[in-house]
């Protein structure tokens, strides 16, 4: 394993043997997934501790790493994610089942893997859907939790299939459609009922057979000028967004074959890498132009209004709205994830280190408390986005660090109520 020219000082394996932590003389602790010892995968590092770390140890549950420094202090680091087995590496599409207990992952090998998350700390393989051709580009479970829509594409064709995964170990194909021409891979709505694809005659929208919900009937949308660079569809299939290669985007509403609006991009006339995402209720659209993310209010779809823009240091590769529509996750080419408030188009937190390569796919669990993320040559990871769970972990790790004397000094006049009393 590469050490980037630094000298290793200490190392420790996690209790399950899947993770190796190595400290070096550059005051950095590097993490490696060694599920496959012949092909270790780099994980987010712990950068620049105050002193070199000379001793490392994992907690029995593998969720906390401790390190003893040269100055005599002991540091604790929370490992803020669970990790799926190495078979889920290099995923390009992710989807949670409505009950949040199953996660589907798909990638370049044309297979969709189903994972049982009944115990998120110990994900286990539940089954595999062998599509047989093309790269998996998009996934969505139906509202019944038993049907799975799968979008695939390769150099020859684009397809959308519907599978019965009631028995994950024995999936059954229910329906499949081939797209008439090339272009972008088809998109599917979050409820698995609607597929959208670039066709010879425009944008083809169709209802997948056997799915529940109130998705509109099949229709052809007039694409207008410019090649299509990206596609998005609302959860119920009633709003369709298309990003054009000149930086513009267009919107269609159910029942109207012509776009209700075409909006000029932030860099008119420029060809930019674009990612689109529609809020679950279709009332907001997030659009990236390279490293700039803009959130648009679609209260009046004919007159989209920009709520604001935020810029980062790396191109945006993936976007995902939380089910409530009140949180937006942004995956970037430099392996980081940011959380954005879509109502104000403001960044909510520091960047989250997700890996060493582009974050290619993101998906929230139905309750919004878990985020799944995937990256190039990286395992799929699961992060808790529940503030109460984070507070419980901090208090468990740190204890009541505010003494009565400190409380009296900094909060005079109030009864002693350390913040971790209820959590710990």
Protein backbone atom coordinates (compact mmCIF):
# COMPACT_ATOMS: atom_id res chain seq x y z
CA UNK A 1 0.00 0.00 0.00
CA UNK A 2 1.36 3.46 -0.87
CA UNK A 3 2.49 5.71 1.99
CA UNK A 4 2.92 8.89 -0.09
CA UNK A 5 6.57 9.09 0.87
CA UNK A 6 5.92 9.03 4.61
CA UNK A 7 7.11 6.57 7.22
CA UNK A 8 4.61 4.32 8.99
CA UNK A 9 4.66 4.59 12.79
CA UNK A 10 1.89 2.24 13.95
CA UNK A 11 -1.06 0.26 12.66
CA UNK A 12 -4.22 -1.47 13.89
CA UNK A 13 -6.86 -3.76 12.37
CA UNK A 14 -10.55 -3.34 13.13
CA UNK A 15 -12.21 -6.21 15.05
CA UNK A 16 -13.82 -7.57 11.88
CA UNK A 17 -10.48 -7.48 10.03
CA UNK A 18 -11.87 -5.34 7.20
CA UNK A 19 -10.20 -2.02 8.06
CA UNK A 20 -6.55 -1.16 8.60
CA UNK A 21 -5.49 2.12 10.22
CA UNK A 22 -1.90 3.29 9.72
CA UNK A 23 -0.32 6.37 11.31
CA UNK A 24 2.65 8.09 9.65
CA UNK A 25 5.28 10.69 10.42
CA UNK A 26 3.26 13.34 8.54
CA UNK A 27 0.80 13.43 11.49
CA UNK A 28 -1.84 11.63 9.41
CA UNK A 29 -3.80 8.44 10.09
CA UNK A 30 -4.64 6.63 6.87
CA UNK A 31 -7.48 4.13 6.56
CA UNK A 32 -7.66 1.14 4.22
CA UNK A 33 -10.39 -1.32 3.33
CA UNK A 34 -8.60 -4.68 3.31
CA UNK A 35 -11.64 -6.91 2.77
CA UNK A 36 -9.70 -8.12 -0.25
CA UNK A 37 -6.08 -8.16 1.01
CA UNK A 38 -4.78 -8.40 -2.56
CA UNK A 39 -6.52 -5.16 -3.54
CA UNK A 40 -6.75 -2.74 -0.58
CA UNK A 41 -8.96 0.32 -1.10
CA UNK A 42 -8.09 3.71 0.37
CA UNK A 43 -10.67 5.20 2.74
CA UNK A 44 -10.96 8.80 3.98
CA UNK A 45 -7.88 9.67 6.05
CA UNK A 46 -7.72 11.47 9.41
CA UNK A 47 -5.49 14.41 8.45
CA UNK A 48 -2.90 16.34 10.41
CA UNK A 49 -3.18 15.44 14.06
CA UNK A 50 -1.33 17.79 16.41
CA UNK A 51 1.40 15.23 17.04
CA UNK A 52 2.55 12.01 15.49
CA UNK A 53 0.45 9.05 16.60
CA UNK A 54 2.54 6.20 17.98
CA UNK A 55 -0.20 3.76 18.99
CA UNK A 56 -3.60 2.89 17.48
CA UNK A 57 -6.50 0.74 18.67
CA UNK A 58 -10.09 0.15 17.57
CA UNK A 59 -12.99 -0.11 20.01
CA UNK A 60 -14.64 -3.55 20.23
CA UNK A 61 -17.50 -2.44 17.95
CA UNK A 62 -15.06 -0.97 15.38
CA UNK A 63 -16.75 2.44 15.44
CA UNK A 64 -14.10 4.35 17.40
CA UNK A 65 -10.36 4.60 16.78
CA UNK A 66 -8.05 5.73 19.57
CA UNK A 67 -4.51 7.01 19.11
CA UNK A 68 -1.74 7.82 21.57
CA UNK A 69 0.37 10.81 20.53
CA UNK A 70 3.99 11.67 21.20
CA UNK A 71 2.88 14.44 23.57
CA UNK A 72 1.16 11.92 25.81
CA UNK A 73 -2.46 12.69 24.87
CA UNK A 74 -4.99 10.14 23.67
CA UNK A 75 -7.24 11.05 20.77
CA UNK A 76 -10.57 9.47 19.84
CA UNK A 77 -12.02 9.48 16.33
CA UNK A 78 -15.54 8.41 15.40
CA UNK A 79 -15.68 6.42 12.18
CA UNK A 80 -18.94 7.95 10.95
CA UNK A 81 -20.05 5.37 8.43
CA UNK A 82 -20.89 1.74 7.91
CA UNK A 83 -19.50 0.02 4.87
CA UNK A 84 -21.01 -2.56 2.58
CA UNK A 85 -18.95 -5.62 1.61
CA UNK A 86 -16.40 -5.26 -1.16
CA UNK A 87 -18.88 -6.70 -3.70
CA UNK A 88 -20.66 -3.33 -3.60
CA UNK A 89 -17.55 -1.46 -4.78
CA UNK A 90 -17.71 1.00 -7.68
CA UNK A 91 -21.50 1.43 -7.66
CA UNK A 92 -23.08 3.93 -10.06
CA UNK A 93 -26.66 3.79 -8.76
CA UNK A 94 -28.28 3.40 -5.32
CA UNK A 95 -31.86 3.01 -4.06
CA UNK A 96 -33.47 2.23 -0.71
CA UNK A 97 -36.63 0.16 -0.41
CA UNK A 98 -39.58 2.05 1.14
CA UNK A 99 -39.05 0.38 4.53
CA UNK A 100 -35.35 1.33 4.53
CA UNK A 101 -34.29 -2.24 5.27
CA UNK A 102 -33.00 -3.05 1.77
CA UNK A 103 -30.49 -1.15 -0.35
CA UNK A 104 -29.96 -1.83 -4.05
CA UNK A 105 -26.59 -1.03 -5.63
CA UNK A 106 -25.67 -1.24 -9.31
CA UNK A 107 -22.55 -0.61 -11.34
CA UNK A 108 -20.55 -1.28 -14.46
CA UNK A 109 -20.84 -5.06 -14.32
CA UNK A 110 -24.56 -5.06 -15.19
CA UNK A 111 -25.59 -6.53 -11.84
CA UNK A 112 -27.82 -5.12 -9.13
CA UNK A 113 -26.95 -6.31 -5.65
CA UNK A 114 -29.53 -6.28 -2.87
CA UNK A 115 -28.34 -5.72 0.70
CA UNK A 116 -30.23 -6.42 3.91
CA UNK A 117 -29.78 -3.48 6.30
CA UNK A 118 -31.86 -4.81 9.20
CA UNK A 119 -28.63 -4.34 11.18
CA UNK A 120 -26.92 -1.37 9.46
CA UNK A 121 -23.65 -2.15 11.23
CA UNK A 122 -23.61 -5.58 9.59
CA UNK A 123 -25.06 -5.35 6.07
CA UNK A 124 -25.47 -8.72 4.40
CA UNK A 125 -26.03 -9.80 0.81
CA UNK A 126 -29.66 -10.68 0.10
CA UNK A 127 -29.60 -11.37 -3.63
CA UNK A 128 -28.39 -10.34 -7.09
CA UNK A 129 -30.32 -9.20 -10.16
CA UNK A 130 -28.29 -10.13 -13.24
CA UNK A 131 -29.39 -7.64 -15.89
CA UNK A 132 -27.10 -9.22 -18.45
CA UNK A 133 -26.09 -6.15 -20.42
CA UNK A 134 -24.87 -2.62 -19.93
CA UNK A 135 -23.97 -0.48 -16.95
CA UNK A 136 -26.61 0.16 -14.29
CA UNK A 137 -27.36 3.90 -14.41
CA UNK A 138 -30.43 4.34 -12.18
CA UNK A 139 -32.46 2.36 -9.65
CA UNK A 140 -35.80 2.88 -7.89
CA UNK A 141 -38.06 0.71 -5.76
CA UNK A 142 -41.81 0.75 -6.31
CA UNK A 143 -44.07 1.88 -3.48
CA UNK A 144 -44.88 -1.76 -2.68
CA UNK A 145 -41.21 -2.44 -1.91
CA UNK A 146 -41.27 -5.57 -4.08
CA UNK A 147 -40.68 -4.07 -7.55
CA UNK A 148 -37.39 -2.56 -8.69
CA UNK A 149 -36.91 -0.36 -11.76
CA UNK A 150 -33.47 -0.64 -13.36
CA UNK A 151 -32.02 1.66 -16.03
CA UNK A 152 -29.04 0.34 -18.01
CA UNK A 153 -26.98 1.60 -20.92
CA UNK A 154 -23.98 0.72 -23.06
CA UNK A 155 -22.58 1.70 -26.45
CA UNK A 156 -25.41 -0.08 -28.31
CA UNK A 157 -28.65 0.53 -26.44
CA UNK A 158 -30.44 1.87 -23.40
CA UNK A 159 -33.06 -0.12 -21.48
CA UNK A 160 -35.38 0.12 -18.51
CA UNK A 161 -36.53 -3.06 -16.82
CA UNK A 162 -38.88 -3.83 -13.97
CA UNK A 163 -38.10 -6.70 -11.60
CA UNK A 164 -40.01 -8.50 -8.89
CA UNK A 165 -37.64 -8.79 -5.89
CA UNK A 166 -40.14 -10.14 -3.38
CA UNK A 167 -37.75 -13.06 -3.03
CA UNK A 168 -34.36 -11.29 -3.29
CA UNK A 169 -32.56 -14.55 -3.95
CA UNK A 170 -34.82 -15.29 -6.95
CA UNK A 171 -35.62 -12.02 -8.77
CA UNK A 172 -38.07 -12.18 -11.67
CA UNK A 173 -38.23 -9.84 -14.69
CA UNK A 174 -41.66 -8.25 -15.12
CA UNK A 175 -41.14 -5.81 -17.98
CA UNK A 176 -38.42 -4.28 -20.13
CA UNK A 177 -38.31 -1.56 -22.74
CA UNK A 178 -35.53 -0.56 -25.12
CA UNK A 179 -34.95 3.13 -25.87
CA UNK A 180 -35.16 4.05 -29.54
CA UNK A 181 -31.79 5.80 -29.79
CA UNK A 182 -28.62 6.72 -27.94
CA UNK A 183 -27.92 9.66 -25.69
CA UNK A 184 -28.12 9.79 -21.93
CA UNK A 185 -29.12 6.73 -19.88
CA UNK A 186 -32.80 6.67 -18.91
CA UNK A 187 -33.88 8.21 -15.61
CA UNK A 188 -36.50 6.70 -13.31
CA UNK A 189 -38.77 8.34 -10.75
CA UNK A 190 -38.19 7.66 -7.05
CA UNK A 191 -41.36 5.56 -6.85
CA UNK A 192 -40.22 3.37 -9.74
CA UNK A 193 -43.34 4.09 -11.78
CA UNK A 194 -41.98 6.35 -14.53
CA UNK A 195 -39.01 6.22 -16.90
CA UNK A 196 -37.68 9.13 -18.96
CA UNK A 197 -35.28 8.72 -21.89
CA UNK A 198 -33.94 10.56 -24.91
CA UNK A 199 -35.58 9.15 -28.06
CA UNK A 200 -35.47 9.90 -31.77
CA UNK A 201 -38.63 11.97 -31.62
CA UNK A 202 -37.92 13.84 -28.39
CA UNK A 203 -38.06 12.93 -24.69
CA UNK A 204 -39.94 9.67 -24.18
CA UNK A 205 -41.83 9.32 -20.87
CA UNK A 206 -43.56 6.06 -20.07
CA UNK A 207 -45.35 4.31 -17.26
CA UNK A 208 -43.70 1.06 -16.21
CA UNK A 209 -46.15 -1.83 -16.38
CA UNK A 210 -47.36 -3.28 -13.12
CA UNK A 211 -46.39 -0.34 -10.90
CA UNK A 212 -48.66 1.41 -8.46
CA UNK A 213 -49.14 5.16 -8.17
CA UNK A 214 -50.61 7.93 -10.26
CA UNK A 215 -47.91 8.32 -12.89
CA UNK A 216 -49.08 9.96 -16.15
CA UNK A 217 -49.63 7.89 -19.26
CA UNK A 218 -46.96 7.42 -21.92
CA UNK A 219 -46.08 10.59 -23.82
CA UNK A 220 -43.47 12.19 -26.08
CA UNK A 221 -42.05 15.57 -25.04
CA UNK A 222 -40.71 18.06 -27.55
CA UNK A 223 -37.02 18.37 -26.71
CA UNK A 224 -36.32 21.67 -28.46
CA UNK A 225 -32.84 22.83 -29.45
CA UNK A 226 -29.62 21.41 -28.13
CA UNK A 227 -28.47 17.99 -27.04
CA UNK A 228 -29.68 16.58 -23.76
CA UNK A 229 -26.97 16.38 -21.12
CA UNK A 230 -28.97 15.25 -18.08
CA UNK A 231 -32.43 14.06 -17.07
CA UNK A 232 -34.49 14.24 -13.87
CA UNK A 233 -38.04 13.28 -12.96
CA UNK A 234 -40.06 14.02 -9.83
CA UNK A 235 -41.06 11.25 -7.43
CA UNK A 236 -44.54 10.93 -8.95
CA UNK A 237 -43.41 11.35 -12.57
CA UNK A 238 -45.38 14.55 -13.12
CA UNK A 239 -42.44 16.93 -13.52
CA UNK A 240 -39.57 16.29 -15.93
CA UNK A 241 -36.35 18.31 -16.01
CA UNK A 242 -33.81 18.24 -18.83
CA UNK A 243 -30.35 19.80 -18.83
CA UNK A 244 -29.10 20.90 -22.24
CA UNK A 245 -25.48 20.86 -23.36
CA UNK A 246 -25.44 24.66 -23.64
CA UNK A 247 -26.08 24.99 -19.88
CA UNK A 248 -29.83 25.68 -20.13
CA UNK A 249 -32.53 23.52 -18.56
CA UNK A 250 -36.16 22.90 -19.52
CA UNK A 251 -39.22 21.79 -17.57
CA UNK A 252 -42.29 19.82 -18.58
CA UNK A 253 -45.48 19.23 -16.61
CA UNK A 254 -47.85 16.30 -16.93
CA UNK A 255 -50.25 16.61 -19.86
CA UNK A 256 -48.21 19.16 -21.84
CA UNK A 257 -45.85 17.92 -24.59
CA UNK A 258 -44.12 21.32 -24.81
CA UNK A 259 -41.80 22.66 -22.11
CA UNK A 260 -43.41 25.16 -19.75
CA UNK A 261 -40.04 26.88 -19.28
CA UNK A 262 -36.50 26.99 -20.61
CA UNK A 263 -34.03 28.68 -18.28
CA UNK A 264 -30.64 30.05 -19.29
CA UNK A 265 -27.71 28.50 -17.45
CA UNK A 266 -25.30 30.35 -15.16
CA UNK A 267 -22.72 30.34 -17.96
CA UNK A 268 -24.79 30.90 -21.14
CA UNK A 269 -23.57 29.10 -24.21
CA UNK A 270 -20.94 27.11 -22.35
CA UNK A 271 -20.82 23.35 -22.39
CA UNK A 272 -20.67 22.30 -18.75
CA UNK A 273 -20.90 19.12 -16.74
CA UNK A 274 -24.44 19.15 -15.36
CA UNK A 275 -26.31 17.18 -12.75
CA UNK A 276 -30.05 17.67 -12.12
CA UNK A 277 -32.23 16.63 -9.19
CA UNK A 278 -35.90 17.38 -8.55
CA UNK A 279 -37.28 17.67 -5.04
CA UNK A 280 -39.70 14.84 -4.17
CA UNK A 281 -42.72 17.15 -4.47
CA UNK A 282 -41.44 18.72 -7.70
CA UNK A 283 -41.39 22.22 -6.18
CA UNK A 284 -37.62 22.72 -6.42
CA UNK A 285 -34.85 21.77 -8.81
CA UNK A 286 -31.14 21.58 -8.05
CA UNK A 287 -28.75 21.99 -10.96
CA UNK A 288 -24.99 21.94 -11.04
CA UNK A 289 -22.77 23.67 -13.58
CA UNK A 290 -19.33 22.23 -12.91
CA UNK A 291 -18.55 23.35 -9.33
CA UNK A 292 -21.54 25.69 -8.94
CA UNK A 293 -24.85 24.45 -7.53
CA UNK A 294 -28.03 26.49 -8.05
CA UNK A 295 -31.40 25.76 -6.46
CA UNK A 296 -34.51 26.86 -8.39
CA UNK A 297 -37.97 27.45 -6.94
CA UNK A 298 -40.65 25.80 -9.09
CA UNK A 299 -43.66 27.19 -7.26
CA UNK A 300 -44.64 28.56 -10.65
CA UNK A 301 -43.06 26.06 -13.07
CA UNK A 302 -43.47 28.50 -15.96
CA UNK A 303 -41.28 31.02 -14.12
CA UNK A 304 -38.52 29.23 -12.19
CA UNK A 305 -36.82 31.55 -9.70
CA UNK A 306 -33.29 31.03 -8.45
CA UNK A 307 -33.12 30.72 -4.68
CA UNK A 308 -29.36 31.09 -4.75
CA UNK A 309 -26.09 29.43 -5.71
CA UNK A 310 -23.15 27.93 -3.85
CA UNK A 311 -19.76 27.15 -5.33
CA UNK A 312 -17.15 24.63 -4.30
CA UNK A 313 -13.63 23.67 -5.23
CA UNK A 314 -14.59 20.60 -7.28
CA UNK A 315 -17.14 19.64 -9.93
CA UNK A 316 -20.46 18.26 -8.72
CA UNK A 317 -20.92 14.60 -9.69
CA UNK A 318 -24.16 13.61 -7.92
CA UNK A 319 -27.13 15.11 -6.09
CA UNK A 320 -29.88 13.73 -3.84
CA UNK A 321 -32.79 15.35 -2.02
CA UNK A 322 -33.88 13.95 1.33
CA UNK A 323 -37.45 12.61 1.25
CA UNK A 324 -38.69 15.69 3.12
CA UNK A 325 -37.17 17.95 0.47
CA UNK A 326 -35.57 20.03 3.24
CA UNK A 327 -32.02 18.71 2.77
CA UNK A 328 -29.85 18.28 -0.31
CA UNK A 329 -26.67 16.19 -0.49
CA UNK A 330 -24.00 17.04 -3.06
CA UNK A 331 -21.30 14.56 -4.10
CA UNK A 332 -18.15 16.00 -5.64
CA UNK A 333 -15.32 14.94 -7.92
CA UNK A 334 -12.75 15.33 -5.13
CA UNK A 335 -14.44 12.66 -2.98
CA UNK A 336 -16.29 15.03 -0.65
CA UNK A 337 -19.97 15.41 0.24
CA UNK A 338 -21.66 18.68 1.23
CA UNK A 339 -25.10 19.22 2.73
CA UNK A 340 -27.13 22.16 1.43
CA UNK A 341 -30.30 23.82 2.68
CA UNK A 342 -32.36 23.95 -0.54
CA UNK A 343 -34.74 26.59 0.84
CA UNK A 344 -31.91 29.12 1.14
CA UNK A 345 -29.26 27.55 -1.11
CA UNK A 346 -26.70 27.67 1.71
CA UNK A 347 -24.13 25.11 2.80
CA UNK A 348 -25.06 23.57 6.15
CA UNK A 349 -21.86 21.84 7.19
CA UNK A 350 -18.22 21.24 6.52
CA UNK A 351 -17.46 18.83 3.73
CA UNK A 352 -17.61 15.13 4.54
CA UNK A 353 -14.72 13.00 3.28
CA UNK A 354 -16.31 10.14 1.36
CA UNK A 355 -13.32 8.62 -0.41
CA UNK A 356 -10.41 9.31 -2.70
CA UNK A 357 -12.35 9.56 -5.97
CA UNK A 358 -15.53 11.12 -7.40
CA UNK A 359 -18.78 10.51 -5.50
CA UNK A 360 -20.84 8.95 -8.29
CA UNK A 361 -24.15 8.24 -6.51
CA UNK A 362 -26.09 9.34 -3.43
CA UNK A 363 -29.39 8.20 -1.91
CA UNK A 364 -31.27 8.97 1.30
CA UNK A 365 -33.16 6.32 3.25
CA UNK A 366 -36.93 6.90 3.36
CA UNK A 367 -36.77 8.32 6.89
CA UNK A 368 -34.00 10.73 5.85
CA UNK A 369 -31.73 9.58 8.68
CA UNK A 370 -29.24 7.61 6.57
CA UNK A 371 -27.30 8.65 3.47
CA UNK A 372 -25.72 6.09 1.16
CA UNK A 373 -22.83 7.17 -1.02
CA UNK A 374 -20.76 5.46 -3.72
CA UNK A 375 -17.63 6.41 -5.58
CA UNK A 376 -15.27 5.22 -8.28
CA UNK A 377 -13.36 2.18 -7.06
CA UNK A 378 -14.81 2.73 -3.57
CA UNK A 379 -17.13 0.65 -1.39
CA UNK A 380 -20.65 1.92 -0.71
CA UNK A 381 -20.83 3.74 2.62
CA UNK A 382 -23.70 4.58 4.95
CA UNK A 383 -23.70 7.73 7.09
CA UNK A 384 -26.13 8.67 9.83
CA UNK A 385 -27.69 12.09 9.22
CA UNK A 386 -29.68 11.96 12.47
CA UNK A 387 -28.51 14.78 14.83
CA UNK A 388 -29.82 12.93 17.89
CA UNK A 389 -27.78 9.85 17.01
CA UNK A 390 -24.69 12.04 16.56
CA UNK A 391 -25.27 13.64 19.97
CA UNK A 392 -25.62 10.22 21.61
CA UNK A 393 -22.34 9.08 20.08
CA UNK A 394 -20.48 12.24 21.15
CA UNK A 395 -21.70 11.91 24.70
CA UNK A 396 -20.88 8.22 24.82
CA UNK A 397 -17.34 8.89 23.60
CA UNK A 398 -16.67 12.10 25.54
CA UNK A 399 -18.81 11.77 28.67
CA UNK A 400 -19.66 14.82 30.77
CA UNK A 401 -16.65 16.96 29.89
CA UNK A 402 -18.11 20.07 31.56
CA UNK A 403 -17.40 19.96 35.29
CA UNK A 404 -19.52 21.81 37.90
CA UNK A 405 -16.67 24.32 38.31
CA UNK A 406 -16.51 25.02 34.58
CA UNK A 407 -20.30 25.34 34.44
CA UNK A 408 -20.24 27.91 37.25
CA UNK A 409 -17.50 29.82 35.44
CA UNK A 410 -19.05 29.93 31.97
CA UNK A 411 -22.80 29.67 32.74
CA UNK A 412 -23.17 31.50 36.05
CA UNK A 413 -26.60 31.73 37.61
CA UNK A 414 -27.98 28.58 35.98
CA UNK A 415 -28.37 25.18 37.61
CA UNK A 416 -25.75 22.62 36.59
CA UNK A 417 -27.16 20.66 33.63
CA UNK A 418 -24.32 19.13 31.58
CA UNK A 419 -25.41 18.52 27.97
CA UNK A 420 -24.67 14.82 28.07
CA UNK A 421 -26.68 13.90 31.15
CA UNK A 422 -29.71 12.83 29.13
CA UNK A 423 -27.73 11.42 26.22
CA UNK A 424 -25.16 9.44 28.15
